[in-house]
Amino acid sequence: MRRWLILALATALPGAALVAAKPPALAQATAGQWEISGVPGEKAPLVQCIADVAALTQFEHRGRSCSRTTISDDGNSTIVQYSCGGAGFGRSEVEVITPRSLKISTQGISESSPFNYVLQAHRLGDCPKSPSAPRH
């Protein structure tokens, strides 16, 4: 039993390092004000101040504390799988069209219901200096 526990911990620790690391493909994109189109239930694009572009990989669960693991990354696109405990989980593929333009295909379970949609994200510039600007 102790041997299995040690083996489980040894294999879990390298995965923990992946959660904290930003996927290499997303290193091209920078924080700032982003316009996000294709959000289910929204008629107009959302404009949000994004402090960490990697947070877009869990757009459905934005604002939640989730663990993320990079499944693959070829420098121009990345696949990230994430889990948010009882709130659900997801898998997103982010294609970097340019450092200012991303295509995000995401699917999973949120609050016991399935989701599957594609977003377009375009960086507009730096975040406004106003303290009322929402950050994600």
N, C-alpha and C. Protein backbone atom coordinates (compact mmCIF):
# COMPACT_ATOMS: atom_id res chain seq x y z
N MET A 1 0.83 -1.19 0.00
CA MET A 1 0.00 0.00 0.00
C MET A 1 0.88 1.26 0.00
N ARG A 2 1.93 1.26 0.83
CA ARG A 2 2.82 2.41 0.90
C ARG A 2 3.55 2.62 -0.44
N ARG A 3 3.90 1.55 -1.08
CA ARG A 3 4.57 1.64 -2.39
C ARG A 3 3.65 2.32 -3.41
N TRP A 4 2.36 1.98 -3.41
CA TRP A 4 1.40 2.59 -4.34
C TRP A 4 1.22 4.07 -4.04
N LEU A 5 1.21 4.43 -2.77
CA LEU A 5 1.07 5.83 -2.39
C LEU A 5 2.27 6.64 -2.88
N ILE A 6 3.48 6.10 -2.70
CA ILE A 6 4.68 6.78 -3.17
C ILE A 6 4.66 6.92 -4.69
N LEU A 7 4.26 5.87 -5.39
CA LEU A 7 4.16 5.92 -6.85
C LEU A 7 3.13 6.95 -7.29
N ALA A 8 2.00 7.00 -6.62
CA ALA A 8 0.95 7.96 -6.97
C ALA A 8 1.45 9.39 -6.76
N LEU A 9 2.14 9.65 -5.67
CA LEU A 9 2.67 10.98 -5.41
C LEU A 9 3.74 11.36 -6.43
N ALA A 10 4.58 10.43 -6.78
CA ALA A 10 5.65 10.69 -7.75
C ALA A 10 5.09 11.04 -9.11
N THR A 11 4.02 10.40 -9.52
CA THR A 11 3.43 10.70 -10.83
C THR A 11 2.57 11.94 -10.77
N ALA A 12 2.03 12.29 -9.61
CA ALA A 12 1.18 13.47 -9.49
C ALA A 12 2.01 14.75 -9.47
N LEU A 13 3.17 14.74 -8.89
CA LEU A 13 3.96 15.95 -8.76
C LEU A 13 4.38 16.57 -10.09
N PRO A 14 4.84 15.82 -11.08
CA PRO A 14 5.14 16.46 -12.37
C PRO A 14 3.91 17.10 -12.99
N GLY A 15 2.74 16.50 -12.84
CA GLY A 15 1.50 17.07 -13.36
C GLY A 15 1.15 18.37 -12.68
N ALA A 16 1.47 18.49 -11.40
CA ALA A 16 1.20 19.72 -10.67
C ALA A 16 1.99 20.88 -11.26
N ALA A 17 3.18 20.62 -11.73
CA ALA A 17 3.98 21.68 -12.34
C ALA A 17 3.32 22.18 -13.62
N LEU A 18 2.65 21.30 -14.36
CA LEU A 18 1.97 21.72 -15.59
C LEU A 18 0.81 22.65 -15.31
N VAL A 19 0.14 22.46 -14.17
CA VAL A 19 -1.01 23.29 -13.84
C VAL A 19 -0.57 24.75 -13.69
N ALA A 20 0.57 24.98 -13.07
CA ALA A 20 1.04 26.33 -12.81
C ALA A 20 1.64 26.99 -14.05
N ALA A 21 2.12 26.21 -14.98
CA ALA A 21 2.81 26.77 -16.15
C ALA A 21 1.80 27.24 -17.19
N LYS A 22 2.13 28.36 -17.83
CA LYS A 22 1.31 28.87 -18.93
C LYS A 22 1.65 28.07 -20.17
N PRO A 23 0.65 27.60 -20.91
CA PRO A 23 0.95 26.87 -22.14
C PRO A 23 1.81 27.72 -23.08
N PRO A 24 2.86 27.14 -23.68
CA PRO A 24 3.76 27.91 -24.55
C PRO A 24 3.04 28.68 -25.66
N ALA A 25 2.01 28.11 -26.26
CA ALA A 25 1.30 28.82 -27.34
C ALA A 25 0.70 30.13 -26.84
N LEU A 26 0.27 30.16 -25.59
CA LEU A 26 -0.36 31.36 -25.05
C LEU A 26 0.64 32.41 -24.60
N ALA A 27 1.91 32.06 -24.59
CA ALA A 27 2.95 33.04 -24.23
C ALA A 27 3.00 34.16 -25.27
N GLN A 28 2.51 33.92 -26.48
CA GLN A 28 2.48 34.93 -27.53
C GLN A 28 1.47 36.04 -27.24
N ALA A 29 0.39 35.68 -26.52
CA ALA A 29 -0.70 36.62 -26.23
C ALA A 29 -0.44 37.26 -24.87
N THR A 30 -0.84 38.53 -24.73
CA THR A 30 -0.58 39.23 -23.49
C THR A 30 -1.87 39.67 -22.81
N ALA A 31 -1.74 39.92 -21.54
CA ALA A 31 -2.86 40.42 -20.75
C ALA A 31 -3.32 41.75 -21.32
N GLY A 32 -4.55 42.10 -21.03
CA GLY A 32 -5.08 43.38 -21.49
C GLY A 32 -6.58 43.30 -21.65
N GLN A 33 -7.13 44.24 -22.39
CA GLN A 33 -8.55 44.28 -22.64
C GLN A 33 -8.84 43.44 -23.89
N TRP A 34 -9.72 42.45 -23.73
CA TRP A 34 -10.05 41.52 -24.80
C TRP A 34 -11.54 41.59 -25.11
N GLU A 35 -11.87 41.49 -26.40
CA GLU A 35 -13.26 41.39 -26.84
C GLU A 35 -13.50 39.92 -27.19
N ILE A 36 -14.56 39.35 -26.59
CA ILE A 36 -14.83 37.93 -26.75
C ILE A 36 -16.20 37.76 -27.40
N SER A 37 -16.22 37.16 -28.60
CA SER A 37 -17.45 36.94 -29.36
C SER A 37 -17.83 35.48 -29.31
N GLY A 38 -19.13 35.22 -29.46
CA GLY A 38 -19.63 33.84 -29.51
C GLY A 38 -20.03 33.29 -28.16
N VAL A 39 -20.12 34.15 -27.14
CA VAL A 39 -20.50 33.70 -25.80
C VAL A 39 -21.98 33.32 -25.81
N PRO A 40 -22.31 32.08 -25.44
CA PRO A 40 -23.71 31.65 -25.42
C PRO A 40 -24.57 32.59 -24.55
N GLY A 41 -25.71 32.98 -25.11
CA GLY A 41 -26.64 33.84 -24.39
C GLY A 41 -26.34 35.33 -24.49
N GLU A 42 -25.24 35.70 -25.12
CA GLU A 42 -24.86 37.11 -25.27
C GLU A 42 -25.06 37.53 -26.72
N LYS A 43 -25.77 38.63 -26.93
CA LYS A 43 -25.98 39.12 -28.29
C LYS A 43 -24.80 39.93 -28.79
N ALA A 44 -24.13 40.62 -27.87
CA ALA A 44 -22.97 41.45 -28.24
C ALA A 44 -21.71 40.83 -27.64
N PRO A 45 -20.57 41.12 -28.24
CA PRO A 45 -19.32 40.62 -27.66
C PRO A 45 -19.09 41.17 -26.25
N LEU A 46 -18.44 40.38 -25.42
CA LEU A 46 -18.04 40.83 -24.09
C LEU A 46 -16.69 41.51 -24.20
N VAL A 47 -16.49 42.56 -23.45
CA VAL A 47 -15.19 43.22 -23.36
C VAL A 47 -14.75 43.08 -21.91
N GLN A 48 -13.61 42.39 -21.72
CA GLN A 48 -13.13 42.13 -20.37
C GLN A 48 -11.64 42.39 -20.28
N CYS A 49 -11.24 42.81 -19.09
CA CYS A 49 -9.83 42.96 -18.80
C CYS A 49 -9.33 41.59 -18.33
N ILE A 50 -8.42 41.00 -19.06
CA ILE A 50 -7.91 39.67 -18.76
C ILE A 50 -6.49 39.80 -18.23
N ALA A 51 -6.29 39.44 -16.96
CA ALA A 51 -4.97 39.55 -16.34
C ALA A 51 -4.06 38.39 -16.74
N ASP A 52 -4.64 37.23 -17.02
CA ASP A 52 -3.88 36.04 -17.40
C ASP A 52 -4.59 35.38 -18.58
N VAL A 53 -4.00 35.45 -19.75
CA VAL A 53 -4.63 34.91 -20.96
C VAL A 53 -4.95 33.42 -20.82
N ALA A 54 -4.18 32.69 -20.01
CA ALA A 54 -4.45 31.26 -19.79
C ALA A 54 -5.83 31.04 -19.16
N ALA A 55 -6.37 32.05 -18.51
CA ALA A 55 -7.71 31.93 -17.92
C ALA A 55 -8.77 31.73 -18.99
N LEU A 56 -8.49 32.14 -20.23
CA LEU A 56 -9.46 31.94 -21.31
C LEU A 56 -9.67 30.46 -21.61
N THR A 57 -8.74 29.61 -21.20
CA THR A 57 -8.90 28.17 -21.43
C THR A 57 -10.03 27.59 -20.59
N GLN A 58 -10.45 28.29 -19.55
CA GLN A 58 -11.57 27.84 -18.73
C GLN A 58 -12.66 28.90 -18.72
N PHE A 59 -12.99 29.43 -19.91
CA PHE A 59 -13.92 30.54 -20.04
C PHE A 59 -15.28 30.21 -19.41
N GLU A 60 -15.78 29.02 -19.63
CA GLU A 60 -17.08 28.64 -19.07
C GLU A 60 -17.06 28.73 -17.54
N HIS A 61 -15.92 28.48 -16.95
CA HIS A 61 -15.79 28.49 -15.50
C HIS A 61 -14.95 29.68 -15.03
N ARG A 62 -15.03 30.79 -15.78
CA ARG A 62 -14.23 31.97 -15.42
C ARG A 62 -14.60 32.44 -14.01
N GLY A 63 -13.58 32.89 -13.33
CA GLY A 63 -13.78 33.36 -11.96
C GLY A 63 -13.71 32.26 -10.92
N ARG A 64 -13.65 31.01 -11.36
CA ARG A 64 -13.57 29.88 -10.42
C ARG A 64 -12.12 29.43 -10.30
N SER A 65 -11.84 28.84 -9.17
CA SER A 65 -10.51 28.27 -8.94
C SER A 65 -10.52 26.84 -9.47
N CYS A 66 -9.82 26.62 -10.57
CA CYS A 66 -9.79 25.31 -11.22
C CYS A 66 -8.35 24.87 -11.41
N SER A 67 -8.14 23.57 -11.46
CA SER A 67 -6.82 23.04 -11.80
C SER A 67 -6.78 22.82 -13.30
N ARG A 68 -5.68 23.24 -13.94
CA ARG A 68 -5.54 23.11 -15.39
C ARG A 68 -4.31 22.28 -15.71
N THR A 69 -4.45 21.45 -16.75
CA THR A 69 -3.34 20.64 -17.23
C THR A 69 -3.25 20.81 -18.74
N THR A 70 -2.06 21.12 -19.23
CA THR A 70 -1.85 21.23 -20.66
C THR A 70 -1.68 19.81 -21.22
N ILE A 71 -2.56 19.44 -22.14
CA ILE A 71 -2.53 18.11 -22.76
C ILE A 71 -1.56 18.10 -23.94
N SER A 72 -1.62 19.15 -24.76
CA SER A 72 -0.69 19.27 -25.89
C SER A 72 -0.50 20.74 -26.23
N ASP A 73 0.63 21.01 -26.85
CA ASP A 73 0.94 22.38 -27.26
C ASP A 73 1.99 22.31 -28.36
N ASP A 74 1.67 22.90 -29.51
CA ASP A 74 2.64 22.88 -30.61
C ASP A 74 3.21 24.26 -30.91
N GLY A 75 2.99 25.20 -30.02
CA GLY A 75 3.49 26.55 -30.21
C GLY A 75 2.48 27.49 -30.84
N ASN A 76 1.53 26.93 -31.61
CA ASN A 76 0.48 27.74 -32.24
C ASN A 76 -0.91 27.40 -31.72
N SER A 77 -1.04 26.27 -31.08
CA SER A 77 -2.31 25.90 -30.46
C SER A 77 -2.02 25.04 -29.24
N THR A 78 -2.96 25.05 -28.34
CA THR A 78 -2.80 24.29 -27.11
C THR A 78 -4.13 23.65 -26.73
N ILE A 79 -4.07 22.50 -26.11
CA ILE A 79 -5.26 21.84 -25.57
C ILE A 79 -5.06 21.76 -24.06
N VAL A 80 -6.03 22.29 -23.34
CA VAL A 80 -5.98 22.33 -21.88
C VAL A 80 -7.21 21.64 -21.34
N GLN A 81 -6.99 20.80 -20.37
CA GLN A 81 -8.08 20.13 -19.65
C GLN A 81 -8.10 20.72 -18.25
N TYR A 82 -9.28 20.98 -17.72
CA TYR A 82 -9.36 21.57 -16.39
C TYR A 82 -10.50 20.98 -15.58
N SER A 83 -10.39 21.11 -14.26
CA SER A 83 -11.41 20.61 -13.35
C SER A 83 -11.67 21.65 -12.27
N CYS A 84 -12.94 21.88 -11.99
CA CYS A 84 -13.34 22.90 -11.01
C CYS A 84 -14.14 22.27 -9.87
N GLY A 85 -13.79 21.07 -9.49
CA GLY A 85 -14.49 20.39 -8.40
C GLY A 85 -15.95 20.17 -8.74
N GLY A 86 -16.85 20.48 -7.83
CA GLY A 86 -18.28 20.27 -8.03
C GLY A 86 -18.91 21.18 -9.07
N ALA A 87 -18.20 22.24 -9.50
CA ALA A 87 -18.74 23.17 -10.50
C ALA A 87 -18.64 22.60 -11.91
N GLY A 88 -17.79 21.58 -12.11
CA GLY A 88 -17.68 20.97 -13.43
C GLY A 88 -16.25 20.89 -13.93
N PHE A 89 -16.14 20.66 -15.23
CA PHE A 89 -14.83 20.47 -15.86
C PHE A 89 -14.94 20.82 -17.33
N GLY A 90 -13.80 20.91 -17.98
CA GLY A 90 -13.83 21.22 -19.40
C GLY A 90 -12.53 20.89 -20.08
N ARG A 91 -12.58 21.03 -21.39
CA ARG A 91 -11.42 20.81 -22.25
C ARG A 91 -11.51 21.88 -23.33
N SER A 92 -10.44 22.63 -23.49
CA SER A 92 -10.44 23.72 -24.46
C SER A 92 -9.24 23.60 -25.39
N GLU A 93 -9.48 23.91 -26.65
CA GLU A 93 -8.40 24.04 -27.62
C GLU A 93 -8.32 25.50 -28.00
N VAL A 94 -7.15 26.10 -27.82
CA VAL A 94 -6.96 27.50 -28.16
C VAL A 94 -5.97 27.57 -29.32
N GLU A 95 -6.44 28.15 -30.42
CA GLU A 95 -5.60 28.36 -31.59
C GLU A 95 -5.18 29.82 -31.62
N VAL A 96 -3.89 30.07 -31.69
CA VAL A 96 -3.38 31.43 -31.75
C VAL A 96 -3.32 31.82 -33.23
N ILE A 97 -4.27 32.64 -33.65
CA ILE A 97 -4.30 33.12 -35.03
C ILE A 97 -3.17 34.14 -35.20
N THR A 98 -3.15 35.12 -34.31
CA THR A 98 -2.07 36.09 -34.14
C THR A 98 -1.96 36.32 -32.63
N PRO A 99 -0.93 36.98 -32.15
CA PRO A 99 -0.86 37.25 -30.71
C PRO A 99 -2.03 38.07 -30.17
N ARG A 100 -2.79 38.70 -31.07
CA ARG A 100 -3.95 39.51 -30.67
C ARG A 100 -5.29 38.88 -31.04
N SER A 101 -5.26 37.66 -31.57
CA SER A 101 -6.49 37.01 -32.02
C SER A 101 -6.42 35.50 -31.70
N LEU A 102 -7.42 35.03 -30.95
CA LEU A 102 -7.47 33.63 -30.53
C LEU A 102 -8.81 33.00 -30.91
N LYS A 103 -8.78 31.72 -31.24
CA LYS A 103 -10.00 30.94 -31.45
C LYS A 103 -10.02 29.90 -30.33
N ILE A 104 -11.10 29.88 -29.56
CA ILE A 104 -11.20 28.98 -28.40
C ILE A 104 -12.39 28.05 -28.60
N SER A 105 -12.11 26.76 -28.74
CA SER A 105 -13.15 25.74 -28.82
C SER A 105 -13.19 25.05 -27.47
N THR A 106 -14.34 25.06 -26.82
CA THR A 106 -14.42 24.54 -25.46
C THR A 106 -15.66 23.68 -25.28
N GLN A 107 -15.52 22.67 -24.44
CA GLN A 107 -16.64 21.77 -24.14
C GLN A 107 -16.43 21.17 -22.76
N GLY A 108 -17.51 20.70 -22.18
CA GLY A 108 -17.41 20.07 -20.87
C GLY A 108 -18.74 20.07 -20.14
N ILE A 109 -18.67 20.08 -18.82
CA ILE A 109 -19.85 20.09 -17.96
C ILE A 109 -19.74 21.28 -17.03
N SER A 110 -20.82 22.06 -16.95
CA SER A 110 -20.88 23.20 -16.04
C SER A 110 -22.20 23.14 -15.28
N GLU A 111 -22.09 23.10 -13.95
CA GLU A 111 -23.30 23.03 -13.11
C GLU A 111 -24.23 21.90 -13.58
N SER A 112 -23.67 20.74 -13.83
CA SER A 112 -24.38 19.51 -14.22
C SER A 112 -24.96 19.53 -15.64
N SER A 113 -24.63 20.53 -16.44
CA SER A 113 -25.14 20.60 -17.81
C SER A 113 -23.96 20.65 -18.79
N PRO A 114 -24.13 20.01 -19.95
CA PRO A 114 -23.05 20.04 -20.94
C PRO A 114 -22.97 21.40 -21.64
N PHE A 115 -21.77 21.75 -22.10
CA PHE A 115 -21.58 22.93 -22.94
C PHE A 115 -20.60 22.57 -24.03
N ASN A 116 -20.72 23.29 -25.15
CA ASN A 116 -19.85 23.07 -26.30
C ASN A 116 -20.03 24.29 -27.21
N TYR A 117 -19.00 25.12 -27.33
CA TYR A 117 -19.10 26.30 -28.18
C TYR A 117 -17.71 26.78 -28.59
N VAL A 118 -17.70 27.72 -29.53
CA VAL A 118 -16.46 28.29 -30.05
C VAL A 118 -16.51 29.80 -29.83
N LEU A 119 -15.41 30.34 -29.31
CA LEU A 119 -15.27 31.77 -29.07
C LEU A 119 -14.19 32.36 -29.95
N GLN A 120 -14.31 33.63 -30.26
CA GLN A 120 -13.26 34.40 -30.91
C GLN A 120 -12.85 35.47 -29.91
N ALA A 121 -11.57 35.59 -29.64
CA ALA A 121 -11.08 36.61 -28.71
C ALA A 121 -10.08 37.50 -29.44
N HIS A 122 -10.26 38.81 -29.30
CA HIS A 122 -9.39 39.80 -29.95
C HIS A 122 -8.92 40.79 -28.90
N ARG A 123 -7.61 40.99 -28.82
CA ARG A 123 -7.06 41.93 -27.85
C ARG A 123 -7.26 43.34 -28.38
N LEU A 124 -7.87 44.20 -27.56
CA LEU A 124 -8.14 45.58 -27.96
C LEU A 124 -7.02 46.53 -27.54
N GLY A 125 -6.32 46.17 -26.47
CA GLY A 125 -5.26 47.04 -25.96
C GLY A 125 -5.07 46.80 -24.48
N ASP A 126 -4.47 47.77 -23.83
CA ASP A 126 -4.25 47.66 -22.39
C ASP A 126 -5.56 47.88 -21.64
N CYS A 127 -5.61 47.39 -20.42
CA CYS A 127 -6.78 47.57 -19.57
C CYS A 127 -6.89 49.02 -19.16
N PRO A 128 -8.12 49.52 -19.04
CA PRO A 128 -8.29 50.89 -18.54
C PRO A 128 -7.75 51.02 -17.14
N LYS A 129 -7.32 52.18 -16.77
CA LYS A 129 -6.76 52.43 -15.44
C LYS A 129 -7.85 52.51 -14.37
N SER A 130 -9.10 52.54 -14.77
CA SER A 130 -10.23 52.67 -13.84
C SER A 130 -10.30 51.48 -12.88
N PRO A 131 -10.50 51.75 -11.58
CA PRO A 131 -10.59 50.64 -10.61
C PRO A 131 -11.88 49.82 -10.77
N SER A 132 -12.85 50.33 -11.57
CA SER A 132 -14.11 49.61 -11.74
C SER A 132 -14.08 48.60 -12.88
N ALA A 133 -13.01 48.57 -13.66
CA ALA A 133 -12.92 47.63 -14.77
C ALA A 133 -12.81 46.21 -14.26
N PRO A 134 -13.72 45.30 -14.69
CA PRO A 134 -13.66 43.91 -14.21
C PRO A 134 -12.43 43.20 -14.73
N ARG A 135 -11.78 42.43 -13.86
CA ARG A 135 -10.59 41.64 -14.24
C ARG A 135 -10.90 40.17 -14.06
N HIS A 136 -10.40 39.36 -15.01
CA HIS A 136 -10.57 37.89 -14.92
C HIS A 136 -9.24 37.23 -15.15
